[in-house]
């Protein structure tokens, strides 16, 4: 695993210290300590999830607004077509009646 083959054994404390240092470096690289800290602090975990949820919701809202705007823009050019124009007029009439 850390530079040793499967059959190798750690014989001295110096070798153990080197292996521990390598392991520590790899754990730091993986940001395990930060992950464990977040998981061990429920308030921080809830706050982080709340902020992430707000960001996702805002992104979805903006994205949906853009997509619906493009859809309505394209739909406006289709109103002149006989079948689609009648369908849109019928939908608008249904909406007006439901008010």
PDB file of N, CA and C in Angstrom:
ATOM      1  N   UNK A   1       0.825  -1.177   0.000  1.00  0.00           N
ATOM      2  CA  UNK A   1       0.000   0.000   0.000  1.00  0.00           C
ATOM      3  C   UNK A   1       0.870   1.242   0.000  1.00  0.00           C
ATOM      4  N   UNK A   2       1.459   1.662   0.992  1.00  0.00           N
ATOM      5  CA  UNK A   2       2.196   2.922   1.044  1.00  0.00           C
ATOM      6  C   UNK A   2       3.665   2.698   0.708  1.00  0.00           C
ATOM      7  N   UNK A   3       3.950   2.155  -0.432  1.00  0.00           N
ATOM      8  CA  UNK A   3       5.325   1.943  -0.830  1.00  0.00           C
ATOM      9  C   UNK A   3       5.878   0.599  -0.370  1.00  0.00           C
ATOM     10  N   UNK A   4       5.068  -0.252   0.261  1.00  0.00           N
ATOM     11  CA  UNK A   4       5.523  -1.562   0.707  1.00  0.00           C
ATOM     12  C   UNK A   4       4.740  -2.635  -0.027  1.00  0.00           C
ATOM     13  N   UNK A   5       5.389  -3.787  -0.233  1.00  0.00           N
ATOM     14  CA  UNK A   5       4.627  -4.887  -0.819  1.00  0.00           C
ATOM     15  C   UNK A   5       3.855  -5.605   0.278  1.00  0.00           C
ATOM     16  N   UNK A   6       3.034  -6.572  -0.104  1.00  0.00           N
ATOM     17  CA  UNK A   6       2.154  -7.229   0.860  1.00  0.00           C
ATOM     18  C   UNK A   6       2.917  -8.040   1.903  1.00  0.00           C
ATOM     19  N   UNK A   7       4.064  -8.573   1.536  1.00  0.00           N
ATOM     20  CA  UNK A   7       4.815  -9.439   2.441  1.00  0.00           C
ATOM     21  C   UNK A   7       5.752  -8.670   3.369  1.00  0.00           C
ATOM     22  N   UNK A   8       5.914  -7.393   3.146  1.00  0.00           N
ATOM     23  CA  UNK A   8       6.844  -6.605   3.962  1.00  0.00           C
ATOM     24  C   UNK A   8       6.235  -6.341   5.337  1.00  0.00           C
ATOM     25  N   UNK A   9       7.100  -6.249   6.323  1.00  0.00           N
ATOM     26  CA  UNK A   9       6.662  -5.918   7.677  1.00  0.00           C
ATOM     27  C   UNK A   9       7.418  -4.694   8.148  1.00  0.00           C
ATOM     28  N   UNK A  10       6.807  -3.986   9.058  1.00  0.00           N
ATOM     29  CA  UNK A  10       7.444  -2.802   9.630  1.00  0.00           C
ATOM     30  C   UNK A  10       8.226  -3.264  10.850  1.00  0.00           C
ATOM     31  N   UNK A  11       9.571  -3.076  10.823  1.00  0.00           N
ATOM     32  CA  UNK A  11      10.411  -3.644  11.873  1.00  0.00           C
ATOM     33  C   UNK A  11      10.822  -2.640  12.937  1.00  0.00           C
ATOM     34  N   UNK A  12      11.011  -1.415  12.569  1.00  0.00           N
ATOM     35  CA  UNK A  12      11.521  -0.470  13.556  1.00  0.00           C
ATOM     36  C   UNK A  12      10.517   0.651  13.775  1.00  0.00           C
ATOM     37  N   UNK A  13      10.722   1.341  14.859  1.00  0.00           N
ATOM     38  CA  UNK A  13       9.870   2.489  15.152  1.00  0.00           C
ATOM     39  C   UNK A  13      10.068   3.587  14.122  1.00  0.00           C
ATOM     40  N   UNK A  14      11.278   3.667  13.567  1.00  0.00           N
ATOM     41  CA  UNK A  14      11.564   4.665  12.544  1.00  0.00           C
ATOM     42  C   UNK A  14      10.722   4.392  11.296  1.00  0.00           C
ATOM     43  N   UNK A  15      10.630   3.116  10.906  1.00  0.00           N
ATOM     44  CA  UNK A  15       9.794   2.747   9.764  1.00  0.00           C
ATOM     45  C   UNK A  15       8.318   3.046  10.051  1.00  0.00           C
ATOM     46  N   UNK A  16       7.910   2.760  11.283  1.00  0.00           N
ATOM     47  CA  UNK A  16       6.527   3.038  11.663  1.00  0.00           C
ATOM     48  C   UNK A  16       6.236   4.533  11.610  1.00  0.00           C
ATOM     49  N   UNK A  17       7.189   5.336  12.044  1.00  0.00           N
ATOM     50  CA  UNK A  17       7.006   6.790  12.014  1.00  0.00           C
ATOM     51  C   UNK A  17       6.899   7.291  10.576  1.00  0.00           C
ATOM     52  N   UNK A  18       7.729   6.722   9.684  1.00  0.00           N
ATOM     53  CA  UNK A  18       7.656   7.110   8.270  1.00  0.00           C
ATOM     54  C   UNK A  18       6.300   6.753   7.675  1.00  0.00           C
ATOM     55  N   UNK A  19       5.838   5.554   8.003  1.00  0.00           N
ATOM     56  CA  UNK A  19       4.545   5.114   7.484  1.00  0.00           C
ATOM     57  C   UNK A  19       3.413   5.988   8.021  1.00  0.00           C
ATOM     58  N   UNK A  20       3.511   6.346   9.293  1.00  0.00           N
ATOM     59  CA  UNK A  20       2.501   7.206   9.889  1.00  0.00           C
ATOM     60  C   UNK A  20       2.502   8.579   9.239  1.00  0.00           C
ATOM     61  N   UNK A  21       3.676   9.092   8.923  1.00  0.00           N
ATOM     62  CA  UNK A  21       3.787  10.386   8.254  1.00  0.00           C
ATOM     63  C   UNK A  21       3.170  10.331   6.854  1.00  0.00           C
ATOM     64  N   UNK A  22       3.441   9.247   6.121  1.00  0.00           N
ATOM     65  CA  UNK A  22       2.848   9.082   4.787  1.00  0.00           C
ATOM     66  C   UNK A  22       1.326   9.009   4.877  1.00  0.00           C
ATOM     67  N   UNK A  23       0.853   8.253   5.854  1.00  0.00           N
ATOM     68  CA  UNK A  23      -0.588   8.130   6.045  1.00  0.00           C
ATOM     69  C   UNK A  23      -1.205   9.474   6.391  1.00  0.00           C
ATOM     70  N   UNK A  24      -0.549  10.209   7.258  1.00  0.00           N
ATOM     71  CA  UNK A  24      -1.030  11.533   7.639  1.00  0.00           C
ATOM     72  C   UNK A  24      -1.093  12.468   6.438  1.00  0.00           C
ATOM     73  N   UNK A  25      -0.069  12.418   5.605  1.00  0.00           N
ATOM     74  CA  UNK A  25      -0.042  13.256   4.400  1.00  0.00           C
ATOM     75  C   UNK A  25      -1.174  12.890   3.453  1.00  0.00           C
ATOM     76  N   UNK A  26      -1.386  11.600   3.254  1.00  0.00           N
ATOM     77  CA  UNK A  26      -2.461  11.166   2.361  1.00  0.00           C
ATOM     78  C   UNK A  26      -3.826  11.570   2.911  1.00  0.00           C
ATOM     79  N   UNK A  27      -4.007  11.467   4.226  1.00  0.00           N
ATOM     80  CA  UNK A  27      -5.286  11.862   4.824  1.00  0.00           C
ATOM     81  C   UNK A  27      -5.514  13.359   4.673  1.00  0.00           C
ATOM     82  N   UNK A  28      -4.460  14.135   4.831  1.00  0.00           N
ATOM     83  CA  UNK A  28      -4.592  15.576   4.626  1.00  0.00           C
ATOM     84  C   UNK A  28      -4.964  15.877   3.186  1.00  0.00           C
ATOM     85  N   UNK A  29      -4.363  15.146   2.266  1.00  0.00           N
ATOM     86  CA  UNK A  29      -4.674  15.350   0.858  1.00  0.00           C
ATOM     87  C   UNK A  29      -6.131  15.015   0.548  1.00  0.00           C
ATOM     88  N   UNK A  30      -6.684  14.065   1.233  1.00  0.00           N
ATOM     89  CA  UNK A  30      -8.069  13.671   0.991  1.00  0.00           C
ATOM     90  C   UNK A  30      -9.060  14.532   1.774  1.00  0.00           C
ATOM     91  N   UNK A  31      -8.557  15.408   2.564  1.00  0.00           N
ATOM     92  CA  UNK A  31      -9.383  16.298   3.379  1.00  0.00           C
ATOM     93  C   UNK A  31     -10.330  15.529   4.315  1.00  0.00           C
ATOM     94  N   UNK A  32      -9.827  14.401   4.778  1.00  0.00           N
ATOM     95  CA  UNK A  32     -10.623  13.590   5.680  1.00  0.00           C
ATOM     96  C   UNK A  32     -10.883  14.335   6.982  1.00  0.00           C
ATOM     97  N   UNK A  33      -9.891  15.062   7.437  1.00  0.00           N
ATOM     98  CA  UNK A  33     -10.042  15.774   8.706  1.00  0.00           C
ATOM     99  C   UNK A  33     -11.175  16.791   8.623  1.00  0.00           C
ATOM    100  N   UNK A  34     -11.255  17.520   7.515  1.00  0.00           N
ATOM    101  CA  UNK A  34     -12.332  18.500   7.363  1.00  0.00           C
ATOM    102  C   UNK A  34     -13.686  17.808   7.303  1.00  0.00           C
ATOM    103  N   UNK A  35     -13.752  16.689   6.606  1.00  0.00           N
ATOM    104  CA  UNK A  35     -15.000  15.944   6.492  1.00  0.00           C
ATOM    105  C   UNK A  35     -15.457  15.438   7.856  1.00  0.00           C
ATOM    106  N   UNK A  36     -14.527  14.901   8.625  1.00  0.00           N
ATOM    107  CA  UNK A  36     -14.858  14.405   9.962  1.00  0.00           C
ATOM    108  C   UNK A  36     -15.302  15.555  10.857  1.00  0.00           C
ATOM    109  N   UNK A  37     -14.656  16.714  10.728  1.00  0.00           N
ATOM    110  CA  UNK A  37     -15.035  17.876  11.532  1.00  0.00           C
ATOM    111  C   UNK A  37     -16.463  18.313  11.221  1.00  0.00           C
ATOM    112  N   UNK A  38     -16.811  18.336   9.949  1.00  0.00           N
ATOM    113  CA  UNK A  38     -18.167  18.734   9.563  1.00  0.00           C
ATOM    114  C   UNK A  38     -19.180  17.731  10.095  1.00  0.00           C
ATOM    115  N   UNK A  39     -18.863  16.440   9.979  1.00  0.00           N
ATOM    116  CA  UNK A  39     -19.792  15.423  10.458  1.00  0.00           C
ATOM    117  C   UNK A  39     -19.923  15.424  11.976  1.00  0.00           C
ATOM    118  N   UNK A  40     -18.864  15.791  12.673  1.00  0.00           N
ATOM    119  CA  UNK A  40     -18.913  15.771  14.133  1.00  0.00           C
ATOM    120  C   UNK A  40     -19.551  17.028  14.712  1.00  0.00           C
ATOM    121  N   UNK A  41     -19.780  18.046  13.889  1.00  0.00           N
ATOM    122  CA  UNK A  41     -20.406  19.281  14.348  1.00  0.00           C
ATOM    123  C   UNK A  41     -21.763  19.427  13.660  1.00  0.00           C
ATOM    124  N   UNK A  42     -22.855  19.005  14.323  1.00  0.00           N
ATOM    125  CA  UNK A  42     -24.171  19.007  13.678  1.00  0.00           C
ATOM    126  C   UNK A  42     -24.641  20.396  13.238  1.00  0.00           C
ATOM    127  N   UNK A  43     -24.312  21.420  14.003  1.00  0.00           N
ATOM    128  CA  UNK A  43     -24.739  22.774  13.633  1.00  0.00           C
ATOM    129  C   UNK A  43     -24.079  23.192  12.321  1.00  0.00           C
ATOM    130  N   UNK A  44     -22.792  22.915  12.188  1.00  0.00           N
ATOM    131  CA  UNK A  44     -22.075  23.252  10.959  1.00  0.00           C
ATOM    132  C   UNK A  44     -22.618  22.447   9.780  1.00  0.00           C
ATOM    133  N   UNK A  45     -22.929  21.183  10.004  1.00  0.00           N
ATOM    134  CA  UNK A  45     -23.477  20.327   8.955  1.00  0.00           C
ATOM    135  C   UNK A  45     -24.837  20.834   8.492  1.00  0.00           C
ATOM    136  N   UNK A  46     -25.708  21.189   9.423  1.00  0.00           N
ATOM    137  CA  UNK A  46     -27.035  21.708   9.071  1.00  0.00           C
ATOM    138  C   UNK A  46     -26.902  23.032   8.338  1.00  0.00           C
ATOM    139  N   UNK A  47     -26.044  23.913   8.811  1.00  0.00           N
ATOM    140  CA  UNK A  47     -25.860  25.215   8.164  1.00  0.00           C
ATOM    141  C   UNK A  47     -25.342  25.050   6.735  1.00  0.00           C
ATOM    142  N   UNK A  48     -24.362  24.169   6.564  1.00  0.00           N
ATOM    143  CA  UNK A  48     -23.800  23.953   5.231  1.00  0.00           C
ATOM    144  C   UNK A  48     -24.856  23.370   4.284  1.00  0.00           C
ATOM    145  N   UNK A  49     -25.646  22.417   4.762  1.00  0.00           N
ATOM    146  CA  UNK A  49     -26.701  21.846   3.927  1.00  0.00           C
ATOM    147  C   UNK A  49     -27.776  22.878   3.606  1.00  0.00           C
ATOM    148  N   UNK A  50     -28.072  23.772   4.538  1.00  0.00           N
ATOM    149  CA  UNK A  50     -29.050  24.830   4.296  1.00  0.00           C
ATOM    150  C   UNK A  50     -28.572  25.755   3.184  1.00  0.00           C
ATOM    151  N   UNK A  51     -27.315  26.190   3.268  1.00  0.00           N
ATOM    152  CA  UNK A  51     -26.751  27.083   2.243  1.00  0.00           C
ATOM    153  C   UNK A  51     -26.720  26.381   0.883  1.00  0.00           C
ATOM    154  N   UNK A  52     -26.315  25.109   0.860  1.00  0.00           N
ATOM    155  CA  UNK A  52     -26.296  24.363  -0.402  1.00  0.00           C
ATOM    156  C   UNK A  52     -27.698  24.219  -0.978  1.00  0.00           C
ATOM    157  N   UNK A  53     -28.684  23.996  -0.127  1.00  0.00           N
ATOM    158  CA  UNK A  53     -30.072  23.901  -0.593  1.00  0.00           C
ATOM    159  C   UNK A  53     -30.562  25.210  -1.180  1.00  0.00           C
ATOM    160  N   UNK A  54     -30.205  26.321  -0.537  1.00  0.00           N
ATOM    161  CA  UNK A  54     -30.584  27.628  -1.090  1.00  0.00           C
ATOM    162  C   UNK A  54     -29.955  27.848  -2.458  1.00  0.00           C
ATOM    163  N   UNK A  55     -28.696  27.498  -2.587  1.00  0.00           N
ATOM    164  CA  UNK A  55     -28.004  27.681  -3.869  1.00  0.00           C
ATOM    165  C   UNK A  55     -28.631  26.813  -4.956  1.00  0.00           C
ATOM    166  N   UNK A  56     -28.947  25.573  -4.621  1.00  0.00           N
ATOM    167  CA  UNK A  56     -29.584  24.699  -5.613  1.00  0.00           C
ATOM    168  C   UNK A  56     -30.956  25.222  -5.997  1.00  0.00           C
ATOM    169  N   UNK A  57     -31.727  25.651  -5.016  1.00  0.00           N
ATOM    170  CA  UNK A  57     -33.061  26.181  -5.306  1.00  0.00           C
ATOM    171  C   UNK A  57     -33.001  27.429  -6.161  1.00  0.00           C
ATOM    172  N   UNK A  58     -32.077  28.311  -5.851  1.00  0.00           N
ATOM    173  CA  UNK A  58     -31.920  29.532  -6.642  1.00  0.00           C
ATOM    174  C   UNK A  58     -31.500  29.188  -8.070  1.00  0.00           C
ATOM    175  N   UNK A  59     -30.585  28.262  -8.215  1.00  0.00           N
ATOM    176  CA  UNK A  59     -30.148  27.838  -9.546  1.00  0.00           C
ATOM    177  C   UNK A  59     -31.276  27.221 -10.348  1.00  0.00           C
ATOM    178  N   UNK A  60     -32.085  26.393  -9.686  1.00  0.00           N
ATOM    179  CA  UNK A  60     -33.219  25.792 -10.386  1.00  0.00           C
ATOM    180  C   UNK A  60     -34.234  26.846 -10.791  1.00  0.00           C
ATOM    181  N   UNK A  61     -34.476  27.804  -9.907  1.00  0.00           N
ATOM    182  CA  UNK A  61     -35.432  28.869 -10.222  1.00  0.00           C
ATOM    183  C   UNK A  61     -34.984  29.702 -11.409  1.00  0.00           C
ATOM    184  N   UNK A  62     -33.721  30.070 -11.413  1.00  0.00           N
ATOM    185  CA  UNK A  62     -33.189  30.875 -12.529  1.00  0.00           C
ATOM    186  C   UNK A  62     -33.202  30.054 -13.818  1.00  0.00           C
ATOM    187  N   UNK A  63     -32.775  28.806 -13.743  1.00  0.00           N
ATOM    188  CA  UNK A  63     -32.758  27.947 -14.928  1.00  0.00           C
ATOM    189  C   UNK A  63     -34.145  27.713 -15.496  1.00  0.00           C
ATOM    190  N   UNK A  64     -35.109  27.451 -14.626  1.00  0.00           N
ATOM    191  CA  UNK A  64     -36.481  27.232 -15.080  1.00  0.00           C
ATOM    192  C   UNK A  64     -37.059  28.495 -15.697  1.00  0.00           C
ATOM    193  N   UNK A  65     -36.762  29.646 -15.117  1.00  0.00           N
ATOM    194  CA  UNK A  65     -37.238  30.911 -15.678  1.00  0.00           C
ATOM    195  C   UNK A  65     -36.688  31.126 -17.083  1.00  0.00           C
ATOM    196  N   UNK A  66     -35.417  30.853 -17.265  1.00  0.00           N
ATOM    197  CA  UNK A  66     -34.806  31.013 -18.596  1.00  0.00           C
ATOM    198  C   UNK A  66     -35.429  30.038 -19.593  1.00  0.00           C
ATOM    199  N   UNK A  67     -35.590  28.775 -19.190  1.00  0.00           N
ATOM    200  CA  UNK A  67     -36.174  27.789 -20.100  1.00  0.00           C
ATOM    201  C   UNK A  67     -37.619  28.123 -20.454  1.00  0.00           C
ATOM    202  N   UNK A  68     -38.409  28.531 -19.474  1.00  0.00           N
ATOM    203  CA  UNK A  68     -39.800  28.898 -19.764  1.00  0.00           C
ATOM    204  C   UNK A  68     -39.870  30.142 -20.634  1.00  0.00           C
ATOM    205  N   UNK A  69     -38.969  31.088 -20.412  1.00  0.00           N
ATOM    206  CA  UNK A  69     -38.924  32.285 -21.253  1.00  0.00           C
ATOM    207  C   UNK A  69     -38.625  31.937 -22.697  1.00  0.00           C
ATOM    208  N   UNK A  70     -37.650  31.061 -22.907  1.00  0.00           N
ATOM    209  CA  UNK A  70     -37.338  30.613 -24.269  1.00  0.00           C
ATOM    210  C   UNK A  70     -38.508  29.852 -24.885  1.00  0.00           C
ATOM    211  N   UNK A  71     -39.145  29.011 -24.082  1.00  0.00           N
ATOM    212  CA  UNK A  71     -40.298  28.253 -24.566  1.00  0.00           C
ATOM    213  C   UNK A  71     -41.430  29.185 -24.985  1.00  0.00           C
ATOM    214  N   UNK A  72     -41.730  30.184 -24.168  1.00  0.00           N
ATOM    215  CA  UNK A  72     -42.796  31.131 -24.516  1.00  0.00           C
ATOM    216  C   UNK A  72     -42.418  31.981 -25.720  1.00  0.00           C
ATOM    217  N   UNK A  73     -41.152  32.336 -25.840  1.00  0.00           N
ATOM    218  CA  UNK A  73     -40.686  33.109 -26.992  1.00  0.00           C
ATOM    219  C   UNK A  73     -40.890  32.312 -28.285  1.00  0.00           C
ATOM    220  N   UNK A  74     -40.537  31.033 -28.246  1.00  0.00           N
ATOM    221  CA  UNK A  74     -40.729  30.173 -29.417  1.00  0.00           C
ATOM    222  C   UNK A  74     -42.216  29.950 -29.667  1.00  0.00           C
ATOM    223  N   UNK A  75     -42.975  29.793 -28.606  1.00  0.00           N
ATOM    224  CA  UNK A  75     -44.414  29.555 -28.729  1.00  0.00           C
ATOM    225  C   UNK A  75     -45.127  30.742 -29.364  1.00  0.00           C
ATOM    226  N   UNK A  76     -44.646  31.953 -29.112  1.00  0.00           N
ATOM    227  CA  UNK A  76     -45.256  33.141 -29.715  1.00  0.00           C
ATOM    228  C   UNK A  76     -45.163  33.103 -31.232  1.00  0.00           C
ATOM    229  N   UNK A  77     -44.079  32.580 -31.744  1.00  0.00           N
ATOM    230  CA  UNK A  77     -43.947  32.516 -33.206  1.00  0.00           C
ATOM    231  C   UNK A  77     -44.827  31.419 -33.795  1.00  0.00           C
ATOM    232  N   UNK A  78     -45.250  30.465 -32.989  1.00  0.00           N
ATOM    233  CA  UNK A  78     -46.094  29.378 -33.472  1.00  0.00           C
ATOM    234  C   UNK A  78     -47.574  29.729 -33.443  1.00  0.00           C
ATOM    235  N   UNK A  79     -47.938  30.819 -32.802  1.00  0.00           N
ATOM    236  CA  UNK A  79     -49.349  31.184 -32.672  1.00  0.00           C
ATOM    237  C   UNK A  79     -49.981  31.369 -34.045  1.00  0.00           C
ATOM    238  N   UNK A  80     -49.206  31.771 -35.022  1.00  0.00           N
ATOM    239  CA  UNK A  80     -49.736  31.995 -36.359  1.00  0.00           C
ATOM    240  C   UNK A  80     -50.092  30.691 -37.071  1.00  0.00           C
ATOM    241  N   UNK A  81     -49.568  29.574 -36.624  1.00  0.00           N
ATOM    242  CA  UNK A  81     -49.919  28.297 -37.239  1.00  0.00           C
ATOM    243  C   UNK A  81     -51.346  27.927 -36.831  1.00  0.00           C
ATOM    244  N   UNK A  82     -52.188  27.442 -37.759  1.00  0.00           N
ATOM    245  CA  UNK A  82     -53.611  27.227 -37.478  1.00  0.00           C
ATOM    246  C   UNK A  82     -53.886  26.276 -36.310  1.00  0.00           C
ATOM    247  N   UNK A  83     -53.315  25.092 -36.315  1.00  0.00           N
ATOM    248  CA  UNK A  83     -53.633  24.116 -35.275  1.00  0.00           C
ATOM    249  C   UNK A  83     -53.113  24.553 -33.912  1.00  0.00           C
ATOM    250  N   UNK A  84     -51.855  24.971 -33.852  1.00  0.00           N
ATOM    251  CA  UNK A  84     -51.247  25.363 -32.581  1.00  0.00           C
ATOM    252  C   UNK A  84     -51.882  26.645 -32.055  1.00  0.00           C
ATOM    253  N   UNK A  85     -52.204  27.582 -32.951  1.00  0.00           N
ATOM    254  CA  UNK A  85     -52.864  28.815 -32.530  1.00  0.00           C
ATOM    255  C   UNK A  85     -54.206  28.537 -31.886  1.00  0.00           C
ATOM    256  N   UNK A  86     -54.980  27.598 -32.474  1.00  0.00           N
ATOM    257  CA  UNK A  86     -56.286  27.234 -31.902  1.00  0.00           C
ATOM    258  C   UNK A  86     -56.100  26.557 -30.549  1.00  0.00           C
ATOM    259  N   UNK A  87     -55.100  25.688 -30.455  1.00  0.00           N
ATOM    260  CA  UNK A  87     -54.824  24.997 -29.197  1.00  0.00           C
ATOM    261  C   UNK A  87     -54.466  25.996 -28.094  1.00  0.00           C
ATOM    262  N   UNK A  88     -53.639  26.962 -28.408  1.00  0.00           N
ATOM    263  CA  UNK A  88     -53.250  27.979 -27.425  1.00  0.00           C
ATOM    264  C   UNK A  88     -54.454  28.826 -27.036  1.00  0.00           C
ATOM    265  N   UNK A  89     -55.282  29.180 -28.012  1.00  0.00           N
ATOM    266  CA  UNK A  89     -56.484  29.965 -27.719  1.00  0.00           C
ATOM    267  C   UNK A  89     -57.415  29.191 -26.801  1.00  0.00           C
ATOM    268  N   UNK A  90     -57.562  27.886 -27.039  1.00  0.00           N
ATOM    269  CA  UNK A  90     -58.395  27.052 -26.169  1.00  0.00           C
ATOM    270  C   UNK A  90     -57.827  26.988 -24.756  1.00  0.00           C
ATOM    271  N   UNK A  91     -56.515  26.855 -24.642  1.00  0.00           N
ATOM    272  CA  UNK A  91     -55.893  26.829 -23.315  1.00  0.00           C
ATOM    273  C   UNK A  91     -56.097  28.148 -22.576  1.00  0.00           C
ATOM    274  N   UNK A  92     -55.944  29.256 -23.278  1.00  0.00           N
ATOM    275  CA  UNK A  92     -56.162  30.561 -22.650  1.00  0.00           C
ATOM    276  C   UNK A  92     -57.607  30.725 -22.213  1.00  0.00           C
ATOM    277  N   UNK A  93     -58.532  30.204 -23.009  1.00  0.00           N
ATOM    278  CA  UNK A  93     -59.954  30.284 -22.653  1.00  0.00           C
ATOM    279  C   UNK A  93     -60.246  29.469 -21.396  1.00  0.00           C
ATOM    280  N   UNK A  94     -59.645  28.286 -21.307  1.00  0.00           N
ATOM    281  CA  UNK A  94     -59.829  27.446 -20.116  1.00  0.00           C
ATOM    282  C   UNK A  94     -59.279  28.143 -18.880  1.00  0.00           C
ATOM    283  N   UNK A  95     -58.136  28.773 -19.012  1.00  0.00           N
ATOM    284  CA  UNK A  95     -57.534  29.491 -17.882  1.00  0.00           C
ATOM    285  C   UNK A  95     -58.424  30.651 -17.462  1.00  0.00           C
ATOM    286  N   UNK A  96     -58.967  31.384 -18.416  1.00  0.00           N
ATOM    287  CA  UNK A  96     -59.839  32.525 -18.097  1.00  0.00           C
ATOM    288  C   UNK A  96     -61.113  32.062 -17.409  1.00  0.00           C
ATOM    289  N   UNK A  97     -61.677  30.935 -17.828  1.00  0.00           N
ATOM    290  CA  UNK A  97     -62.901  30.419 -17.209  1.00  0.00           C
ATOM    291  C   UNK A  97     -62.653  29.955 -15.776  1.00  0.00           C
ATOM    292  N   UNK A  98     -61.460  29.454 -15.513  1.00  0.00           N
ATOM    293  CA  UNK A  98     -61.166  28.942 -14.170  1.00  0.00           C
ATOM    294  C   UNK A  98     -60.946  30.051 -13.152  1.00  0.00           C
ATOM    295  N   UNK A  99     -60.786  31.284 -13.601  1.00  0.00           N
ATOM    296  CA  UNK A  99     -60.589  32.407 -12.676  1.00  0.00           C
ATOM    297  C   UNK A  99     -61.839  32.735 -12.013  1.00  0.00           C
TER     298      UNK A  99
END
